[in-house]
């Protein structure tokens, strides 16, 4: 059985966990004094720890060893994903974290049903990314940024945009040595003007197959072609 996994912003010889991390270890995982725990700081440092005490919503850990670790993709992979209605964006963030995205940026698009995101939902998405990073044993936690208008996307070194009219396949144009930016649209797709902006910013339209994918499926299909299917 693998040790429990916990996040701490800074790995020190003695760690005091409170809040959600303590609750997860103590109440969900039922950690007890003497249990082994793997700790990580979300920036590439990992360690081995032992539970010293569990009481009153506080878990104390003794870190016995730390080491640099990486199970990350070798190049940055930024995912621009259109704002989605309901809880669909949380599902995308969870799976995108597991697939290796290094940054997730929601987009406000012409055809987006949702046009804004409250601070509470943004914080929840960041918690989803943290929990997914722990579950998938990532050593870094992807950034989840506040939504931006599509027109605010900066020029990219290598961009791929999922587009039903695209004919190029990811494997035919992807350069594994260069940072990658990915973009997928809302339920109604990108408008013609938005596609033009993306082209001007350095994105190339690519196909995800002959079928039309849902707005919450497309980002994960595109991301998996880059980080898993193409061996990044």
C-alpha atoms as a PDB file:
ATOM      1  CA  UNK A   1       0.000   0.000   0.000  1.00  0.00           C
ATOM      2  CA  UNK A   2       1.393   3.390  -0.993  1.00  0.00           C
ATOM      3  CA  UNK A   3       1.893   6.029   1.709  1.00  0.00           C
ATOM      4  CA  UNK A   4      -0.685   8.799   1.999  1.00  0.00           C
ATOM      5  CA  UNK A   5       0.239  11.939   0.080  1.00  0.00           C
ATOM      6  CA  UNK A   6       0.064  15.475   1.478  1.00  0.00           C
ATOM      7  CA  UNK A   7       0.811  18.947   0.175  1.00  0.00           C
ATOM      8  CA  UNK A   8       2.802  21.567   2.067  1.00  0.00           C
ATOM      9  CA  UNK A   9       3.958  24.863   0.511  1.00  0.00           C
ATOM     10  CA  UNK A  10       7.399  24.443   2.117  1.00  0.00           C
ATOM     11  CA  UNK A  11       9.001  21.199   3.227  1.00  0.00           C
ATOM     12  CA  UNK A  12      10.642  21.699   6.610  1.00  0.00           C
ATOM     13  CA  UNK A  13      11.854  19.115   9.176  1.00  0.00           C
ATOM     14  CA  UNK A  14       8.638  19.582  11.156  1.00  0.00           C
ATOM     15  CA  UNK A  15       5.349  20.285   9.398  1.00  0.00           C
ATOM     16  CA  UNK A  16       2.075  21.325  10.984  1.00  0.00           C
ATOM     17  CA  UNK A  17      -0.901  20.728   8.725  1.00  0.00           C
ATOM     18  CA  UNK A  18      -4.257  22.361   9.335  1.00  0.00           C
ATOM     19  CA  UNK A  19      -7.433  22.964   7.330  1.00  0.00           C
ATOM     20  CA  UNK A  20      -8.203  20.750   4.346  1.00  0.00           C
ATOM     21  CA  UNK A  21      -4.882  18.917   4.326  1.00  0.00           C
ATOM     22  CA  UNK A  22      -5.211  17.940   7.985  1.00  0.00           C
ATOM     23  CA  UNK A  23      -8.869  16.982   7.524  1.00  0.00           C
ATOM     24  CA  UNK A  24      -8.036  14.791   4.521  1.00  0.00           C
ATOM     25  CA  UNK A  25      -5.243  12.960   6.351  1.00  0.00           C
ATOM     26  CA  UNK A  26      -6.981  12.598   9.705  1.00  0.00           C
ATOM     27  CA  UNK A  27     -10.656  12.197   8.874  1.00  0.00           C
ATOM     28  CA  UNK A  28     -10.691  10.798   5.325  1.00  0.00           C
ATOM     29  CA  UNK A  29      -7.518   8.701   5.205  1.00  0.00           C
ATOM     30  CA  UNK A  30      -7.541   7.944   8.951  1.00  0.00           C
ATOM     31  CA  UNK A  31      -3.820   8.606   9.336  1.00  0.00           C
ATOM     32  CA  UNK A  32      -2.422   7.814  12.778  1.00  0.00           C
ATOM     33  CA  UNK A  33       0.892   8.441  14.578  1.00  0.00           C
ATOM     34  CA  UNK A  34       3.647   6.363  13.031  1.00  0.00           C
ATOM     35  CA  UNK A  35       2.053   6.261   9.563  1.00  0.00           C
ATOM     36  CA  UNK A  36       4.278   7.045   6.589  1.00  0.00           C
ATOM     37  CA  UNK A  37       3.304  10.033   4.422  1.00  0.00           C
ATOM     38  CA  UNK A  38       4.717  11.325   1.165  1.00  0.00           C
ATOM     39  CA  UNK A  39       4.858  15.128   1.112  1.00  0.00           C
ATOM     40  CA  UNK A  40       5.407  17.501  -1.797  1.00  0.00           C
ATOM     41  CA  UNK A  41       5.617  21.268  -2.209  1.00  0.00           C
ATOM     42  CA  UNK A  42       4.005  21.558  -5.657  1.00  0.00           C
ATOM     43  CA  UNK A  43       7.211  22.941  -7.155  1.00  0.00           C
ATOM     44  CA  UNK A  44       9.203  19.767  -7.712  1.00  0.00           C
ATOM     45  CA  UNK A  45      10.372  18.819  -4.203  1.00  0.00           C
ATOM     46  CA  UNK A  46       9.125  15.607  -2.629  1.00  0.00           C
ATOM     47  CA  UNK A  47       9.809  13.972   0.709  1.00  0.00           C
ATOM     48  CA  UNK A  48       9.177  11.183   3.154  1.00  0.00           C
ATOM     49  CA  UNK A  49       7.511  11.939   6.482  1.00  0.00           C
ATOM     50  CA  UNK A  50       6.083  10.224   9.536  1.00  0.00           C
ATOM     51  CA  UNK A  51       2.935  11.290  11.389  1.00  0.00           C
ATOM     52  CA  UNK A  52       3.878  12.482  14.888  1.00  0.00           C
ATOM     53  CA  UNK A  53       0.443  13.463  16.175  1.00  0.00           C
ATOM     54  CA  UNK A  54      -3.176  13.841  15.096  1.00  0.00           C
ATOM     55  CA  UNK A  55      -5.496  15.929  17.262  1.00  0.00           C
ATOM     56  CA  UNK A  56      -8.044  18.750  17.126  1.00  0.00           C
ATOM     57  CA  UNK A  57      -7.817  19.329  13.380  1.00  0.00           C
ATOM     58  CA  UNK A  58      -4.018  19.480  13.393  1.00  0.00           C
ATOM     59  CA  UNK A  59      -1.615  16.898  11.981  1.00  0.00           C
ATOM     60  CA  UNK A  60       2.072  17.123  12.790  1.00  0.00           C
ATOM     61  CA  UNK A  61       4.599  15.451  10.504  1.00  0.00           C
ATOM     62  CA  UNK A  62       8.319  14.809  10.832  1.00  0.00           C
ATOM     63  CA  UNK A  63      10.046  15.000   7.450  1.00  0.00           C
ATOM     64  CA  UNK A  64      12.901  12.501   7.337  1.00  0.00           C
ATOM     65  CA  UNK A  65      14.098  12.929   3.767  1.00  0.00           C
ATOM     66  CA  UNK A  66      13.523  15.166   0.738  1.00  0.00           C
ATOM     67  CA  UNK A  67      14.553  14.896  -2.903  1.00  0.00           C
ATOM     68  CA  UNK A  68      13.932  16.679  -6.207  1.00  0.00           C
ATOM     69  CA  UNK A  69      11.387  14.723  -8.211  1.00  0.00           C
ATOM     70  CA  UNK A  70       9.633  15.158 -11.508  1.00  0.00           C
ATOM     71  CA  UNK A  71       6.906  13.235 -13.246  1.00  0.00           C
ATOM     72  CA  UNK A  72       6.091  16.214 -15.412  1.00  0.00           C
ATOM     73  CA  UNK A  73       6.033  16.684 -19.168  1.00  0.00           C
ATOM     74  CA  UNK A  74       9.392  18.043 -20.419  1.00  0.00           C
ATOM     75  CA  UNK A  75       7.922  21.204 -21.968  1.00  0.00           C
ATOM     76  CA  UNK A  76       5.246  23.626 -20.687  1.00  0.00           C
ATOM     77  CA  UNK A  77       1.740  22.756 -21.900  1.00  0.00           C
ATOM     78  CA  UNK A  78      -0.792  25.565 -21.483  1.00  0.00           C
ATOM     79  CA  UNK A  79      -4.468  24.736 -21.954  1.00  0.00           C
ATOM     80  CA  UNK A  80      -6.834  27.527 -22.978  1.00  0.00           C
ATOM     81  CA  UNK A  81     -10.342  26.172 -22.490  1.00  0.00           C
ATOM     82  CA  UNK A  82     -13.590  28.043 -23.025  1.00  0.00           C
ATOM     83  CA  UNK A  83     -15.744  28.717 -19.983  1.00  0.00           C
ATOM     84  CA  UNK A  84     -18.277  25.916 -19.641  1.00  0.00           C
ATOM     85  CA  UNK A  85     -21.636  25.876 -17.927  1.00  0.00           C
ATOM     86  CA  UNK A  86     -22.360  24.028 -14.720  1.00  0.00           C
ATOM     87  CA  UNK A  87     -19.613  21.919 -13.190  1.00  0.00           C
ATOM     88  CA  UNK A  88     -18.055  20.795 -16.446  1.00  0.00           C
ATOM     89  CA  UNK A  89     -14.985  22.969 -16.057  1.00  0.00           C
ATOM     90  CA  UNK A  90     -14.117  21.225 -12.794  1.00  0.00           C
ATOM     91  CA  UNK A  91     -14.118  17.900 -14.628  1.00  0.00           C
ATOM     92  CA  UNK A  92     -11.819  19.355 -17.283  1.00  0.00           C
ATOM     93  CA  UNK A  93      -9.411  20.767 -14.687  1.00  0.00           C
ATOM     94  CA  UNK A  94      -9.294  17.444 -12.843  1.00  0.00           C
ATOM     95  CA  UNK A  95      -8.519  15.376 -15.920  1.00  0.00           C
ATOM     96  CA  UNK A  96      -6.196  18.002 -17.441  1.00  0.00           C
ATOM     97  CA  UNK A  97      -4.155  17.923 -14.239  1.00  0.00           C
ATOM     98  CA  UNK A  98      -3.878  14.145 -14.466  1.00  0.00           C
ATOM     99  CA  UNK A  99      -2.812  14.438 -18.117  1.00  0.00           C
ATOM    100  CA  UNK A 100      -0.005  16.870 -17.318  1.00  0.00           C
ATOM    101  CA  UNK A 101      -1.174  20.388 -18.188  1.00  0.00           C
ATOM    102  CA  UNK A 102       1.099  22.960 -16.570  1.00  0.00           C
ATOM    103  CA  UNK A 103      -1.339  25.888 -16.755  1.00  0.00           C
ATOM    104  CA  UNK A 104      -5.098  26.082 -17.340  1.00  0.00           C
ATOM    105  CA  UNK A 105      -6.666  29.351 -18.472  1.00  0.00           C
ATOM    106  CA  UNK A 106     -10.438  29.666 -19.015  1.00  0.00           C
ATOM    107  CA  UNK A 107     -11.546  31.770 -21.973  1.00  0.00           C
ATOM    108  CA  UNK A 108     -14.541  34.061 -22.374  1.00  0.00           C
ATOM    109  CA  UNK A 109     -15.781  33.442 -25.913  1.00  0.00           C
ATOM    110  CA  UNK A 110     -18.579  34.784 -28.106  1.00  0.00           C
ATOM    111  CA  UNK A 111     -20.522  31.513 -27.962  1.00  0.00           C
ATOM    112  CA  UNK A 112     -19.811  30.721 -24.299  1.00  0.00           C
ATOM    113  CA  UNK A 113     -22.977  30.214 -22.279  1.00  0.00           C
ATOM    114  CA  UNK A 114     -21.045  31.207 -19.156  1.00  0.00           C
ATOM    115  CA  UNK A 115     -19.476  34.653 -19.406  1.00  0.00           C
ATOM    116  CA  UNK A 116     -17.839  35.037 -15.999  1.00  0.00           C
ATOM    117  CA  UNK A 117     -16.524  33.110 -13.021  1.00  0.00           C
ATOM    118  CA  UNK A 118     -16.819  34.081  -9.380  1.00  0.00           C
ATOM    119  CA  UNK A 119     -13.877  34.029  -6.970  1.00  0.00           C
ATOM    120  CA  UNK A 120     -15.412  31.095  -5.113  1.00  0.00           C
ATOM    121  CA  UNK A 121     -15.535  28.931  -8.214  1.00  0.00           C
ATOM    122  CA  UNK A 122     -11.960  29.836  -9.141  1.00  0.00           C
ATOM    123  CA  UNK A 123     -10.755  28.800  -5.689  1.00  0.00           C
ATOM    124  CA  UNK A 124     -12.671  25.539  -6.025  1.00  0.00           C
ATOM    125  CA  UNK A 125     -11.017  24.818  -9.382  1.00  0.00           C
ATOM    126  CA  UNK A 126      -7.624  25.384  -7.780  1.00  0.00           C
ATOM    127  CA  UNK A 127      -8.536  22.914  -5.035  1.00  0.00           C
ATOM    128  CA  UNK A 128      -9.609  20.426  -7.704  1.00  0.00           C
ATOM    129  CA  UNK A 129      -6.195  20.818  -9.376  1.00  0.00           C
ATOM    130  CA  UNK A 130      -4.419  20.272  -6.052  1.00  0.00           C
ATOM    131  CA  UNK A 131      -6.391  17.117  -5.246  1.00  0.00           C
ATOM    132  CA  UNK A 132      -5.884  15.763  -8.773  1.00  0.00           C
ATOM    133  CA  UNK A 133      -2.146  16.440  -8.519  1.00  0.00           C
ATOM    134  CA  UNK A 134      -2.006  14.496  -5.256  1.00  0.00           C
ATOM    135  CA  UNK A 135      -4.040  11.598  -6.639  1.00  0.00           C
ATOM    136  CA  UNK A 136      -1.993  11.325  -9.838  1.00  0.00           C
ATOM    137  CA  UNK A 137       1.300  11.744  -7.929  1.00  0.00           C
ATOM    138  CA  UNK A 138       2.364  14.821  -9.832  1.00  0.00           C
ATOM    139  CA  UNK A 139       5.210  16.820  -8.352  1.00  0.00           C
ATOM    140  CA  UNK A 140       3.873  20.210  -9.427  1.00  0.00           C
ATOM    141  CA  UNK A 141       0.387  21.683  -9.307  1.00  0.00           C
ATOM    142  CA  UNK A 142      -0.885  23.335 -12.480  1.00  0.00           C
ATOM    143  CA  UNK A 143      -1.837  26.985 -12.254  1.00  0.00           C
ATOM    144  CA  UNK A 144      -5.531  27.698 -12.750  1.00  0.00           C
ATOM    145  CA  UNK A 145      -5.935  31.341 -13.708  1.00  0.00           C
ATOM    146  CA  UNK A 146      -8.921  33.648 -13.759  1.00  0.00           C
ATOM    147  CA  UNK A 147     -10.798  33.792 -17.087  1.00  0.00           C
ATOM    148  CA  UNK A 148      -9.534  36.097 -19.827  1.00  0.00           C
ATOM    149  CA  UNK A 149     -11.156  37.232 -23.087  1.00  0.00           C
ATOM    150  CA  UNK A 150      -9.902  35.245 -26.049  1.00  0.00           C
ATOM    151  CA  UNK A 151      -8.455  38.437 -27.528  1.00  0.00           C
ATOM    152  CA  UNK A 152      -6.042  38.598 -24.548  1.00  0.00           C
ATOM    153  CA  UNK A 153      -4.213  35.398 -25.518  1.00  0.00           C
ATOM    154  CA  UNK A 154      -0.583  36.366 -26.194  1.00  0.00           C
ATOM    155  CA  UNK A 155       1.397  35.144 -29.216  1.00  0.00           C
ATOM    156  CA  UNK A 156       2.540  31.563 -28.682  1.00  0.00           C
ATOM    157  CA  UNK A 157       5.598  29.674 -29.851  1.00  0.00           C
ATOM    158  CA  UNK A 158       3.589  26.591 -30.838  1.00  0.00           C
ATOM    159  CA  UNK A 159      -0.192  26.547 -30.708  1.00  0.00           C
ATOM    160  CA  UNK A 160      -2.805  23.946 -31.600  1.00  0.00           C
ATOM    161  CA  UNK A 161      -6.506  24.709 -31.753  1.00  0.00           C
ATOM    162  CA  UNK A 162      -9.140  22.002 -32.051  1.00  0.00           C
ATOM    163  CA  UNK A 163     -11.294  22.872 -35.046  1.00  0.00           C
ATOM    164  CA  UNK A 164     -13.887  20.746 -36.900  1.00  0.00           C
ATOM    165  CA  UNK A 165     -12.630  22.168 -40.188  1.00  0.00           C
ATOM    166  CA  UNK A 166      -9.016  21.282 -39.482  1.00  0.00           C
ATOM    167  CA  UNK A 167      -7.303  18.637 -41.593  1.00  0.00           C
ATOM    168  CA  UNK A 168      -3.884  18.463 -39.944  1.00  0.00           C
ATOM    169  CA  UNK A 169      -3.241  15.814 -37.312  1.00  0.00           C
ATOM    170  CA  UNK A 170      -1.432  16.612 -34.079  1.00  0.00           C
ATOM    171  CA  UNK A 171       1.262  13.997 -34.689  1.00  0.00           C
ATOM    172  CA  UNK A 172       2.082  15.505 -38.077  1.00  0.00           C
ATOM    173  CA  UNK A 173       2.981  18.969 -36.772  1.00  0.00           C
ATOM    174  CA  UNK A 174       3.753  18.704 -33.058  1.00  0.00           C
ATOM    175  CA  UNK A 175       7.353  19.529 -32.134  1.00  0.00           C
ATOM    176  CA  UNK A 176       8.081  17.887 -28.810  1.00  0.00           C
ATOM    177  CA  UNK A 177      11.004  20.183 -28.026  1.00  0.00           C
ATOM    178  CA  UNK A 178       8.970  23.411 -27.956  1.00  0.00           C
ATOM    179  CA  UNK A 179       6.408  24.751 -25.443  1.00  0.00           C
ATOM    180  CA  UNK A 180       2.836  23.997 -26.482  1.00  0.00           C
ATOM    181  CA  UNK A 181      -0.344  26.048 -26.136  1.00  0.00           C
ATOM    182  CA  UNK A 182      -3.702  24.342 -26.749  1.00  0.00           C
ATOM    183  CA  UNK A 183      -7.099  25.942 -27.313  1.00  0.00           C
ATOM    184  CA  UNK A 184     -10.604  24.488 -27.400  1.00  0.00           C
ATOM    185  CA  UNK A 185     -13.896  26.306 -27.805  1.00  0.00           C
ATOM    186  CA  UNK A 186     -17.299  26.490 -26.094  1.00  0.00           C
ATOM    187  CA  UNK A 187     -20.465  24.556 -26.877  1.00  0.00           C
ATOM    188  CA  UNK A 188     -21.046  26.629 -30.021  1.00  0.00           C
ATOM    189  CA  UNK A 189     -17.423  26.588 -31.144  1.00  0.00           C
ATOM    190  CA  UNK A 190     -15.149  29.535 -31.862  1.00  0.00           C
ATOM    191  CA  UNK A 191     -16.524  32.320 -34.064  1.00  0.00           C
ATOM    192  CA  UNK A 192     -14.790  33.183 -37.343  1.00  0.00           C
ATOM    193  CA  UNK A 193     -13.283  36.296 -35.778  1.00  0.00           C
ATOM    194  CA  UNK A 194     -11.984  34.270 -32.838  1.00  0.00           C
ATOM    195  CA  UNK A 195     -10.394  31.719 -35.149  1.00  0.00           C
ATOM    196  CA  UNK A 196      -8.692  34.565 -36.992  1.00  0.00           C
ATOM    197  CA  UNK A 197      -7.290  35.901 -33.720  1.00  0.00           C
ATOM    198  CA  UNK A 198      -5.972  32.463 -32.821  1.00  0.00           C
ATOM    199  CA  UNK A 199      -4.314  32.101 -36.215  1.00  0.00           C
ATOM    200  CA  UNK A 200      -2.654  35.490 -35.788  1.00  0.00           C
ATOM    201  CA  UNK A 201      -1.418  34.455 -32.311  1.00  0.00           C
ATOM    202  CA  UNK A 202       0.332  31.380 -33.707  1.00  0.00           C
ATOM    203  CA  UNK A 203      -2.281  28.610 -33.397  1.00  0.00           C
ATOM    204  CA  UNK A 204      -2.716  25.958 -36.091  1.00  0.00           C
ATOM    205  CA  UNK A 205      -6.118  24.251 -36.549  1.00  0.00           C
ATOM    206  CA  UNK A 206      -5.987  20.489 -35.982  1.00  0.00           C
ATOM    207  CA  UNK A 207      -8.530  17.716 -36.262  1.00  0.00           C
ATOM    208  CA  UNK A 208      -9.645  15.495 -33.413  1.00  0.00           C
ATOM    209  CA  UNK A 209     -11.237  12.980 -35.762  1.00  0.00           C
ATOM    210  CA  UNK A 210     -14.395  12.712 -37.785  1.00  0.00           C
ATOM    211  CA  UNK A 211     -16.761  12.992 -34.855  1.00  0.00           C
ATOM    212  CA  UNK A 212     -17.928  16.171 -33.148  1.00  0.00           C
ATOM    213  CA  UNK A 213     -16.768  16.196 -29.529  1.00  0.00           C
ATOM    214  CA  UNK A 214     -18.479  17.927 -26.652  1.00  0.00           C
ATOM    215  CA  UNK A 215     -16.879  21.105 -25.308  1.00  0.00           C
ATOM    216  CA  UNK A 216     -15.729  19.288 -22.179  1.00  0.00           C
ATOM    217  CA  UNK A 217     -14.328  16.327 -24.148  1.00  0.00           C
ATOM    218  CA  UNK A 218     -12.326  18.222 -26.776  1.00  0.00           C
ATOM    219  CA  UNK A 219      -9.720  19.754 -24.407  1.00  0.00           C
ATOM    220  CA  UNK A 220      -8.951  16.366 -22.899  1.00  0.00           C
ATOM    221  CA  UNK A 221      -8.739  14.652 -26.275  1.00  0.00           C
ATOM    222  CA  UNK A 222      -6.347  17.312 -27.570  1.00  0.00           C
ATOM    223  CA  UNK A 223      -4.278  17.316 -24.384  1.00  0.00           C
ATOM    224  CA  UNK A 224      -3.960  13.528 -24.366  1.00  0.00           C
ATOM    225  CA  UNK A 225      -2.651  13.561 -27.940  1.00  0.00           C
ATOM    226  CA  UNK A 226       0.114  15.887 -26.800  1.00  0.00           C
ATOM    227  CA  UNK A 227       1.069  14.569 -23.358  1.00  0.00           C
ATOM    228  CA  UNK A 228       0.174  10.896 -23.626  1.00  0.00           C
ATOM    229  CA  UNK A 229      -0.480   9.767 -27.171  1.00  0.00           C
ATOM    230  CA  UNK A 230       2.557  11.572 -28.541  1.00  0.00           C
ATOM    231  CA  UNK A 231       4.848  10.527 -25.719  1.00  0.00           C
ATOM    232  CA  UNK A 232       5.715  13.938 -24.274  1.00  0.00           C
END
